[in-house]
Amino acid sequence: MGKQFDGHKICEALSDPTRTKIFQYLLRKYPKAQTISDIEKILSKSVSATTISFHLKKLREAGLITTNGHKKGFRASRKAIKIGFNGNGFHVLEE
């Protein structure tokens, strides 16, 4: 895996249930990009596009998702990841 992950940013990004749900959805749809309106449809409660954009920004900052612009959509950076902790710290492994 070429990119180093920041474990703190990943934990922060995935600590929010809405972000976790968005990320799980994007993993299921990998490698197809999903728009904000696609993402809006899978959220159980009404969440504004602005709030979704905020959550997507946090996931992008953690390196979990990528985009080529809002209109083209968002996708998971890879098909799956495995996150683990051990005596040597935090590890993210590509599946």
PDB file of N, CA and C in Angstrom:
ATOM      1  N   MET A   1       0.844  -1.167   0.000  1.00  0.00           N
ATOM      2  CA  MET A   1       0.000   0.000   0.000  1.00  0.00           C
ATOM      3  C   MET A   1       0.893   1.234   0.000  1.00  0.00           C
ATOM      4  N   GLY A   2       0.676   2.134  -0.937  1.00  0.00           N
ATOM      5  CA  GLY A   2       1.559   3.266  -1.092  1.00  0.00           C
ATOM      6  C   GLY A   2       1.348   4.383  -0.093  1.00  0.00           C
ATOM      7  N   LYS A   3       0.128   4.650   0.288  1.00  0.00           N
ATOM      8  CA  LYS A   3      -0.186   5.796   1.129  1.00  0.00           C
ATOM      9  C   LYS A   3      -0.148   5.398   2.601  1.00  0.00           C
ATOM     10  N   GLN A   4       0.487   6.243   3.413  1.00  0.00           N
ATOM     11  CA  GLN A   4       0.470   6.028   4.859  1.00  0.00           C
ATOM     12  C   GLN A   4      -0.823   6.607   5.420  1.00  0.00           C
ATOM     13  N   PHE A   5      -1.486   5.867   6.264  1.00  0.00           N
ATOM     14  CA  PHE A   5      -2.706   6.337   6.884  1.00  0.00           C
ATOM     15  C   PHE A   5      -2.407   6.980   8.225  1.00  0.00           C
ATOM     16  N   ASP A   6      -3.215   7.967   8.595  1.00  0.00           N
ATOM     17  CA  ASP A   6      -3.142   8.589   9.907  1.00  0.00           C
ATOM     18  C   ASP A   6      -4.253   7.957  10.747  1.00  0.00           C
ATOM     19  N   GLY A   7      -3.860   7.100  11.668  1.00  0.00           N
ATOM     20  CA  GLY A   7      -4.823   6.376  12.483  1.00  0.00           C
ATOM     21  C   GLY A   7      -5.767   7.276  13.254  1.00  0.00           C
ATOM     22  N   HIS A   8      -5.269   8.406  13.731  1.00  0.00           N
ATOM     23  CA  HIS A   8      -6.121   9.328  14.483  1.00  0.00           C
ATOM     24  C   HIS A   8      -7.210   9.915  13.597  1.00  0.00           C
ATOM     25  N   LYS A   9      -6.845  10.274  12.354  1.00  0.00           N
ATOM     26  CA  LYS A   9      -7.841  10.834  11.436  1.00  0.00           C
ATOM     27  C   LYS A   9      -8.880   9.784  11.042  1.00  0.00           C
ATOM     28  N   ILE A  10      -8.434   8.544  10.851  1.00  0.00           N
ATOM     29  CA  ILE A  10      -9.370   7.475  10.507  1.00  0.00           C
ATOM     30  C   ILE A  10     -10.336   7.235  11.666  1.00  0.00           C
ATOM     31  N   CYS A  11      -9.817   7.160  12.885  1.00  0.00           N
ATOM     32  CA  CYS A  11     -10.684   6.950  14.052  1.00  0.00           C
ATOM     33  C   CYS A  11     -11.668   8.104  14.207  1.00  0.00           C
ATOM     34  N   GLU A  12     -11.192   9.322  14.016  1.00  0.00           N
ATOM     35  CA  GLU A  12     -12.076  10.486  14.113  1.00  0.00           C
ATOM     36  C   GLU A  12     -13.156  10.411  13.030  1.00  0.00           C
ATOM     37  N   ALA A  13     -12.754  10.094  11.806  1.00  0.00           N
ATOM     38  CA  ALA A  13     -13.706  10.044  10.696  1.00  0.00           C
ATOM     39  C   ALA A  13     -14.771   8.973  10.930  1.00  0.00           C
ATOM     40  N   LEU A  14     -14.368   7.821  11.441  1.00  0.00           N
ATOM     41  CA  LEU A  14     -15.307   6.708  11.612  1.00  0.00           C
ATOM     42  C   LEU A  14     -16.022   6.724  12.960  1.00  0.00           C
ATOM     43  N   SER A  15     -15.723   7.726  13.798  1.00  0.00           N
ATOM     44  CA  SER A  15     -16.378   7.809  15.109  1.00  0.00           C
ATOM     45  C   SER A  15     -17.818   8.303  14.994  1.00  0.00           C
ATOM     46  N   ASP A  16     -18.172   8.889  13.867  1.00  0.00           N
ATOM     47  CA  ASP A  16     -19.525   9.398  13.675  1.00  0.00           C
ATOM     48  C   ASP A  16     -20.365   8.356  12.941  1.00  0.00           C
ATOM     49  N   PRO A  17     -21.530   7.984  13.470  1.00  0.00           N
ATOM     50  CA  PRO A  17     -22.355   6.945  12.840  1.00  0.00           C
ATOM     51  C   PRO A  17     -22.782   7.280  11.404  1.00  0.00           C
ATOM     52  N   THR A  18     -23.049   8.543  11.125  1.00  0.00           N
ATOM     53  CA  THR A  18     -23.441   8.924   9.761  1.00  0.00           C
ATOM     54  C   THR A  18     -22.286   8.730   8.800  1.00  0.00           C
ATOM     55  N   ARG A  19     -21.073   9.129   9.218  1.00  0.00           N
ATOM     56  CA  ARG A  19     -19.888   8.937   8.357  1.00  0.00           C
ATOM     57  C   ARG A  19     -19.623   7.456   8.141  1.00  0.00           C
ATOM     58  N   THR A  20     -19.785   6.653   9.188  1.00  0.00           N
ATOM     59  CA  THR A  20     -19.575   5.209   9.057  1.00  0.00           C
ATOM     60  C   THR A  20     -20.551   4.631   8.041  1.00  0.00           C
ATOM     61  N   LYS A  21     -21.806   5.051   8.117  1.00  0.00           N
ATOM     62  CA  LYS A  21     -22.815   4.549   7.177  1.00  0.00           C
ATOM     63  C   LYS A  21     -22.476   4.969   5.739  1.00  0.00           C
ATOM     64  N   ILE A  22     -22.050   6.223   5.557  1.00  0.00           N
ATOM     65  CA  ILE A  22     -21.660   6.711   4.226  1.00  0.00           C
ATOM     66  C   ILE A  22     -20.475   5.896   3.703  1.00  0.00           C
ATOM     67  N   PHE A  23     -19.476   5.679   4.543  1.00  0.00           N
ATOM     68  CA  PHE A  23     -18.283   4.938   4.134  1.00  0.00           C
ATOM     69  C   PHE A  23     -18.631   3.494   3.771  1.00  0.00           C
ATOM     70  N   GLN A  24     -19.471   2.846   4.582  1.00  0.00           N
ATOM     71  CA  GLN A  24     -19.880   1.468   4.279  1.00  0.00           C
ATOM     72  C   GLN A  24     -20.609   1.408   2.937  1.00  0.00           C
ATOM     73  N   TYR A  25     -21.447   2.389   2.668  1.00  0.00           N
ATOM     74  CA  TYR A  25     -22.169   2.456   1.399  1.00  0.00           C
ATOM     75  C   TYR A  25     -21.194   2.586   0.230  1.00  0.00           C
ATOM     76  N   LEU A  26     -20.197   3.486   0.386  1.00  0.00           N
ATOM     77  CA  LEU A  26     -19.220   3.688  -0.688  1.00  0.00           C
ATOM     78  C   LEU A  26     -18.356   2.444  -0.891  1.00  0.00           C
ATOM     79  N   LEU A  27     -18.066   1.712   0.174  1.00  0.00           N
ATOM     80  CA  LEU A  27     -17.325   0.450   0.041  1.00  0.00           C
ATOM     81  C   LEU A  27     -18.141  -0.566  -0.754  1.00  0.00           C
ATOM     82  N   ARG A  28     -19.442  -0.640  -0.476  1.00  0.00           N
ATOM     83  CA  ARG A  28     -20.304  -1.584  -1.206  1.00  0.00           C
ATOM     84  C   ARG A  28     -20.392  -1.227  -2.685  1.00  0.00           C
ATOM     85  N   LYS A  29     -20.345   0.057  -3.005  1.00  0.00           N
ATOM     86  CA  LYS A  29     -20.490   0.518  -4.385  1.00  0.00           C
ATOM     87  C   LYS A  29     -19.145   0.591  -5.131  1.00  0.00           C
ATOM     88  N   TYR A  30     -18.042   0.348  -4.430  1.00  0.00           N
ATOM     89  CA  TYR A  30     -16.705   0.442  -5.033  1.00  0.00           C
ATOM     90  C   TYR A  30     -16.641  -0.386  -6.314  1.00  0.00           C
ATOM     91  N   PRO A  31     -16.020   0.115  -7.379  1.00  0.00           N
ATOM     92  CA  PRO A  31     -15.326   1.389  -7.552  1.00  0.00           C
ATOM     93  C   PRO A  31     -16.208   2.505  -8.132  1.00  0.00           C
ATOM     94  N   LYS A  32     -17.510   2.282  -8.200  1.00  0.00           N
ATOM     95  CA  LYS A  32     -18.403   3.273  -8.795  1.00  0.00           C
ATOM     96  C   LYS A  32     -18.582   4.479  -7.862  1.00  0.00           C
ATOM     97  N   ALA A  33     -18.422   5.678  -8.414  1.00  0.00           N
ATOM     98  CA  ALA A  33     -18.603   6.911  -7.642  1.00  0.00           C
ATOM     99  C   ALA A  33     -20.086   7.165  -7.396  1.00  0.00           C
ATOM    100  N   GLN A  34     -20.392   7.730  -6.245  1.00  0.00           N
ATOM    101  CA  GLN A  34     -21.760   8.053  -5.858  1.00  0.00           C
ATOM    102  C   GLN A  34     -21.870   9.555  -5.604  1.00  0.00           C
ATOM    103  N   THR A  35     -22.962  10.152  -6.048  1.00  0.00           N
ATOM    104  CA  THR A  35     -23.170  11.588  -5.850  1.00  0.00           C
ATOM    105  C   THR A  35     -23.747  11.843  -4.454  1.00  0.00           C
ATOM    106  N   ILE A  36     -23.776  13.113  -4.075  1.00  0.00           N
ATOM    107  CA  ILE A  36     -24.374  13.476  -2.788  1.00  0.00           C
ATOM    108  C   ILE A  36     -25.848  13.060  -2.770  1.00  0.00           C
ATOM    109  N   SER A  37     -26.562  13.216  -3.898  1.00  0.00           N
ATOM    110  CA  SER A  37     -27.973  12.789  -3.888  1.00  0.00           C
ATOM    111  C   SER A  37     -28.114  11.282  -3.755  1.00  0.00           C
ATOM    112  N   ASP A  38     -27.184  10.496  -4.316  1.00  0.00           N
ATOM    113  CA  ASP A  38     -27.196   9.045  -4.105  1.00  0.00           C
ATOM    114  C   ASP A  38     -27.032   8.739  -2.609  1.00  0.00           C
ATOM    115  N   ILE A  39     -26.094   9.427  -1.984  1.00  0.00           N
ATOM    116  CA  ILE A  39     -25.793   9.206  -0.564  1.00  0.00           C
ATOM    117  C   ILE A  39     -26.985   9.626   0.301  1.00  0.00           C
ATOM    118  N   GLU A  40     -27.626  10.749  -0.058  1.00  0.00           N
ATOM    119  CA  GLU A  40     -28.797  11.233   0.685  1.00  0.00           C
ATOM    120  C   GLU A  40     -29.878  10.154   0.786  1.00  0.00           C
ATOM    121  N   LYS A  41     -30.065   9.397  -0.276  1.00  0.00           N
ATOM    122  CA  LYS A  41     -31.125   8.384  -0.346  1.00  0.00           C
ATOM    123  C   LYS A  41     -30.918   7.229   0.629  1.00  0.00           C
ATOM    124  N   ILE A  42     -29.670   6.943   1.011  1.00  0.00           N
ATOM    125  CA  ILE A  42     -29.415   5.786   1.877  1.00  0.00           C
ATOM    126  C   ILE A  42     -29.408   6.145   3.365  1.00  0.00           C
ATOM    127  N   LEU A  43     -29.440   7.423   3.667  1.00  0.00           N
ATOM    128  CA  LEU A  43     -29.421   7.840   5.071  1.00  0.00           C
ATOM    129  C   LEU A  43     -30.835   7.778   5.639  1.00  0.00           C
ATOM    130  N   SER A  44     -30.964   7.205   6.827  1.00  0.00           N
ATOM    131  CA  SER A  44     -32.281   6.963   7.406  1.00  0.00           C
ATOM    132  C   SER A  44     -33.008   8.245   7.791  1.00  0.00           C
ATOM    133  N   LYS A  45     -32.285   9.243   8.220  1.00  0.00           N
ATOM    134  CA  LYS A  45     -32.950  10.490   8.571  1.00  0.00           C
ATOM    135  C   LYS A  45     -32.576  11.567   7.564  1.00  0.00           C
ATOM    136  N   SER A  46     -33.343  12.594   7.558  1.00  0.00           N
ATOM    137  CA  SER A  46     -33.103  13.674   6.602  1.00  0.00           C
ATOM    138  C   SER A  46     -31.819  14.427   6.967  1.00  0.00           C
ATOM    139  N   VAL A  47     -30.835  14.339   6.094  1.00  0.00           N
ATOM    140  CA  VAL A  47     -29.558  15.012   6.307  1.00  0.00           C
ATOM    141  C   VAL A  47     -29.345  15.932   5.110  1.00  0.00           C
ATOM    142  N   SER A  48     -29.014  17.191   5.368  1.00  0.00           N
ATOM    143  CA  SER A  48     -28.851  18.157   4.280  1.00  0.00           C
ATOM    144  C   SER A  48     -27.604  17.856   3.455  1.00  0.00           C
ATOM    145  N   ALA A  49     -27.611  18.333   2.228  1.00  0.00           N
ATOM    146  CA  ALA A  49     -26.449  18.165   1.344  1.00  0.00           C
ATOM    147  C   ALA A  49     -25.214  18.811   1.957  1.00  0.00           C
ATOM    148  N   THR A  50     -25.394  19.923   2.662  1.00  0.00           N
ATOM    149  CA  THR A  50     -24.269  20.609   3.316  1.00  0.00           C
ATOM    150  C   THR A  50     -23.657  19.717   4.393  1.00  0.00           C
ATOM    151  N   THR A  51     -24.498  19.059   5.164  1.00  0.00           N
ATOM    152  CA  THR A  51     -24.010  18.164   6.219  1.00  0.00           C
ATOM    153  C   THR A  51     -23.311  16.954   5.602  1.00  0.00           C
ATOM    154  N   ILE A  52     -23.871  16.422   4.536  1.00  0.00           N
ATOM    155  CA  ILE A  52     -23.233  15.291   3.844  1.00  0.00           C
ATOM    156  C   ILE A  52     -21.857  15.715   3.325  1.00  0.00           C
ATOM    157  N   SER A  53     -21.770  16.917   2.758  1.00  0.00           N
ATOM    158  CA  SER A  53     -20.474  17.431   2.276  1.00  0.00           C
ATOM    159  C   SER A  53     -19.456  17.506   3.406  1.00  0.00           C
ATOM    160  N   PHE A  54     -19.882  17.931   4.587  1.00  0.00           N
ATOM    161  CA  PHE A  54     -18.997  17.997   5.751  1.00  0.00           C
ATOM    162  C   PHE A  54     -18.477  16.600   6.087  1.00  0.00           C
ATOM    163  N   HIS A  55     -19.378  15.617   6.116  1.00  0.00           N
ATOM    164  CA  HIS A  55     -18.972  14.238   6.426  1.00  0.00           C
ATOM    165  C   HIS A  55     -18.019  13.693   5.360  1.00  0.00           C
ATOM    166  N   LEU A  56     -18.297  13.980   4.104  1.00  0.00           N
ATOM    167  CA  LEU A  56     -17.423  13.531   3.019  1.00  0.00           C
ATOM    168  C   LEU A  56     -16.037  14.152   3.134  1.00  0.00           C
ATOM    169  N   LYS A  57     -15.984  15.417   3.556  1.00  0.00           N
ATOM    170  CA  LYS A  57     -14.684  16.087   3.745  1.00  0.00           C
ATOM    171  C   LYS A  57     -13.864  15.363   4.808  1.00  0.00           C
ATOM    172  N   LYS A  58     -14.501  14.991   5.917  1.00  0.00           N
ATOM    173  CA  LYS A  58     -13.793  14.271   6.990  1.00  0.00           C
ATOM    174  C   LYS A  58     -13.277  12.915   6.492  1.00  0.00           C
ATOM    175  N   LEU A  59     -14.084  12.206   5.701  1.00  0.00           N
ATOM    176  CA  LEU A  59     -13.657  10.922   5.148  1.00  0.00           C
ATOM    177  C   LEU A  59     -12.512  11.102   4.152  1.00  0.00           C
ATOM    178  N   ARG A  60     -12.563  12.175   3.356  1.00  0.00           N
ATOM    179  CA  ARG A  60     -11.475  12.473   2.407  1.00  0.00           C
ATOM    180  C   ARG A  60     -10.188  12.803   3.146  1.00  0.00           C
ATOM    181  N   GLU A  61     -10.281  13.631   4.196  1.00  0.00           N
ATOM    182  CA  GLU A  61      -9.093  14.013   4.973  1.00  0.00           C
ATOM    183  C   GLU A  61      -8.420  12.791   5.600  1.00  0.00           C
ATOM    184  N   ALA A  62      -9.198  11.769   5.906  1.00  0.00           N
ATOM    185  CA  ALA A  62      -8.658  10.539   6.495  1.00  0.00           C
ATOM    186  C   ALA A  62      -8.108   9.594   5.423  1.00  0.00           C
ATOM    187  N   GLY A  63      -8.293   9.954   4.145  1.00  0.00           N
ATOM    188  CA  GLY A  63      -7.789   9.121   3.051  1.00  0.00           C
ATOM    189  C   GLY A  63      -8.687   7.938   2.728  1.00  0.00           C
ATOM    190  N   LEU A  64      -9.907   7.933   3.268  1.00  0.00           N
ATOM    191  CA  LEU A  64     -10.801   6.795   3.075  1.00  0.00           C
ATOM    192  C   LEU A  64     -11.588   6.870   1.775  1.00  0.00           C
ATOM    193  N   ILE A  65     -11.825   8.083   1.278  1.00  0.00           N
ATOM    194  CA  ILE A  65     -12.558   8.250   0.026  1.00  0.00           C
ATOM    195  C   ILE A  65     -11.852   9.253  -0.869  1.00  0.00           C
ATOM    196  N   THR A  66     -12.202   9.246  -2.156  1.00  0.00           N
ATOM    197  CA  THR A  66     -11.642  10.183  -3.124  1.00  0.00           C
ATOM    198  C   THR A  66     -12.775  10.759  -3.969  1.00  0.00           C
ATOM    199  N   THR A  67     -12.460  11.845  -4.666  1.00  0.00           N
ATOM    200  CA  THR A  67     -13.423  12.457  -5.576  1.00  0.00           C
ATOM    201  C   THR A  67     -12.676  13.153  -6.708  1.00  0.00           C
ATOM    202  N   ASN A  68     -13.340  13.265  -7.834  1.00  0.00           N
ATOM    203  CA  ASN A  68     -12.844  14.070  -8.953  1.00  0.00           C
ATOM    204  C   ASN A  68     -13.750  15.272  -9.133  1.00  0.00           C
ATOM    205  N   GLY A  69     -14.331  15.719  -8.038  1.00  0.00           N
ATOM    206  CA  GLY A  69     -15.264  16.838  -8.052  1.00  0.00           C
ATOM    207  C   GLY A  69     -16.642  16.389  -7.601  1.00  0.00           C
ATOM    208  N   HIS A  70     -17.333  17.244  -6.875  1.00  0.00           N
ATOM    209  CA  HIS A  70     -18.642  16.903  -6.292  1.00  0.00           C
ATOM    210  C   HIS A  70     -19.624  16.369  -7.322  1.00  0.00           C
ATOM    211  N   LYS A  71     -19.651  16.958  -8.511  1.00  0.00           N
ATOM    212  CA  LYS A  71     -20.634  16.543  -9.522  1.00  0.00           C
ATOM    213  C   LYS A  71     -20.340  15.140 -10.060  1.00  0.00           C
ATOM    214  N   LYS A  72     -19.057  14.736 -10.035  1.00  0.00           N
ATOM    215  CA  LYS A  72     -18.690  13.395 -10.521  1.00  0.00           C
ATOM    216  C   LYS A  72     -18.853  12.336  -9.445  1.00  0.00           C
ATOM    217  N   GLY A  73     -19.017  12.753  -8.205  1.00  0.00           N
ATOM    218  CA  GLY A  73     -19.269  11.817  -7.122  1.00  0.00           C
ATOM    219  C   GLY A  73     -18.047  11.459  -6.295  1.00  0.00           C
ATOM    220  N   PHE A  74     -18.279  10.564  -5.362  1.00  0.00           N
ATOM    221  CA  PHE A  74     -17.279  10.142  -4.380  1.00  0.00           C
ATOM    222  C   PHE A  74     -17.208   8.625  -4.391  1.00  0.00           C
ATOM    223  N   ARG A  75     -16.021   8.096  -4.115  1.00  0.00           N
ATOM    224  CA  ARG A  75     -15.879   6.645  -4.036  1.00  0.00           C
ATOM    225  C   ARG A  75     -14.863   6.294  -2.960  1.00  0.00           C
ATOM    226  N   ALA A  76     -14.967   5.074  -2.460  1.00  0.00           N
ATOM    227  CA  ALA A  76     -13.989   4.594  -1.476  1.00  0.00           C
ATOM    228  C   ALA A  76     -12.619   4.542  -2.154  1.00  0.00           C
ATOM    229  N   SER A  77     -11.578   4.824  -1.401  1.00  0.00           N
ATOM    230  CA  SER A  77     -10.209   4.826  -1.948  1.00  0.00           C
ATOM    231  C   SER A  77      -9.757   3.435  -2.373  1.00  0.00           C
ATOM    232  N   ARG A  78     -10.297   2.406  -1.748  1.00  0.00           N
ATOM    233  CA  ARG A  78      -9.963   1.020  -2.065  1.00  0.00           C
ATOM    234  C   ARG A  78     -11.173   0.164  -1.779  1.00  0.00           C
ATOM    235  N   LYS A  79     -11.128  -1.074  -2.204  1.00  0.00           N
ATOM    236  CA  LYS A  79     -12.291  -1.960  -2.083  1.00  0.00           C
ATOM    237  C   LYS A  79     -12.616  -2.296  -0.625  1.00  0.00           C
ATOM    238  N   ALA A  80     -11.597  -2.452   0.192  1.00  0.00           N
ATOM    239  CA  ALA A  80     -11.802  -2.787   1.607  1.00  0.00           C
ATOM    240  C   ALA A  80     -10.561  -2.407   2.395  1.00  0.00           C
ATOM    241  N   ILE A  81     -10.748  -2.156   3.669  1.00  0.00           N
ATOM    242  CA  ILE A  81      -9.606  -1.933   4.558  1.00  0.00           C
ATOM    243  C   ILE A  81      -9.824  -2.747   5.825  1.00  0.00           C
ATOM    244  N   LYS A  82      -8.739  -3.058   6.468  1.00  0.00           N
ATOM    245  CA  LYS A  82      -8.797  -3.757   7.750  1.00  0.00           C
ATOM    246  C   LYS A  82      -8.025  -2.895   8.735  1.00  0.00           C
ATOM    247  N   ILE A  83      -8.660  -2.574   9.837  1.00  0.00           N
ATOM    248  CA  ILE A  83      -8.050  -1.709  10.842  1.00  0.00           C
ATOM    249  C   ILE A  83      -7.765  -2.557  12.074  1.00  0.00           C
ATOM    250  N   GLY A  84      -6.542  -2.452  12.584  1.00  0.00           N
ATOM    251  CA  GLY A  84      -6.189  -3.228  13.764  1.00  0.00           C
ATOM    252  C   GLY A  84      -5.299  -2.451  14.719  1.00  0.00           C
ATOM    253  N   PHE A  85      -5.340  -2.827  15.955  1.00  0.00           N
ATOM    254  CA  PHE A  85      -4.486  -2.241  16.989  1.00  0.00           C
ATOM    255  C   PHE A  85      -3.721  -3.391  17.628  1.00  0.00           C
ATOM    256  N   ASN A  86      -2.459  -3.151  17.916  1.00  0.00           N
ATOM    257  CA  ASN A  86      -1.700  -4.132  18.688  1.00  0.00           C
ATOM    258  C   ASN A  86      -0.642  -3.393  19.493  1.00  0.00           C
ATOM    259  N   GLY A  87       0.282  -4.110  20.098  1.00  0.00           N
ATOM    260  CA  GLY A  87       1.309  -3.493  20.934  1.00  0.00           C
ATOM    261  C   GLY A  87       2.191  -2.507  20.186  1.00  0.00           C
ATOM    262  N   ASN A  88       2.199  -2.580  18.861  1.00  0.00           N
ATOM    263  CA  ASN A  88       3.009  -1.662  18.060  1.00  0.00           C
ATOM    264  C   ASN A  88       2.203  -0.490  17.514  1.00  0.00           C
ATOM    265  N   GLY A  89       0.950  -0.380  17.922  1.00  0.00           N
ATOM    266  CA  GLY A  89       0.146   0.762  17.494  1.00  0.00           C
ATOM    267  C   GLY A  89      -0.969   0.400  16.541  1.00  0.00           C
ATOM    268  N   PHE A  90      -1.327   1.366  15.750  1.00  0.00           N
ATOM    269  CA  PHE A  90      -2.472   1.327  14.852  1.00  0.00           C
ATOM    270  C   PHE A  90      -2.027   0.871  13.477  1.00  0.00           C
ATOM    271  N   HIS A  91      -2.772  -0.055  12.860  1.00  0.00           N
ATOM    272  CA  HIS A  91      -2.408  -0.546  11.540  1.00  0.00           C
ATOM    273  C   HIS A  91      -3.625  -0.582  10.624  1.00  0.00           C
ATOM    274  N   VAL A  92      -3.438  -0.147   9.401  1.00  0.00           N
ATOM    275  CA  VAL A  92      -4.485  -0.239   8.390  1.00  0.00           C
ATOM    276  C   VAL A  92      -3.926  -1.089   7.272  1.00  0.00           C
ATOM    277  N   LEU A  93      -4.637  -2.151   6.931  1.00  0.00           N
ATOM    278  CA  LEU A  93      -4.184  -3.053   5.890  1.00  0.00           C
ATOM    279  C   LEU A  93      -5.206  -3.071   4.770  1.00  0.00           C
ATOM    280  N   GLU A  94      -4.718  -3.043   3.539  1.00  0.00           N
ATOM    281  CA  GLU A  94      -5.604  -3.149   2.400  1.00  0.00           C
ATOM    282  C   GLU A  94      -6.028  -4.594   2.244  1.00  0.00           C
ATOM    283  N   GLU A  95      -7.301  -4.805   1.950  1.00  0.00           N
ATOM    284  CA  GLU A  95      -7.811  -6.171   1.746  1.00  0.00           C
ATOM    285  C   GLU A  95      -7.831  -6.475   0.276  1.00  0.00           C
TER     286      GLU A  95
END
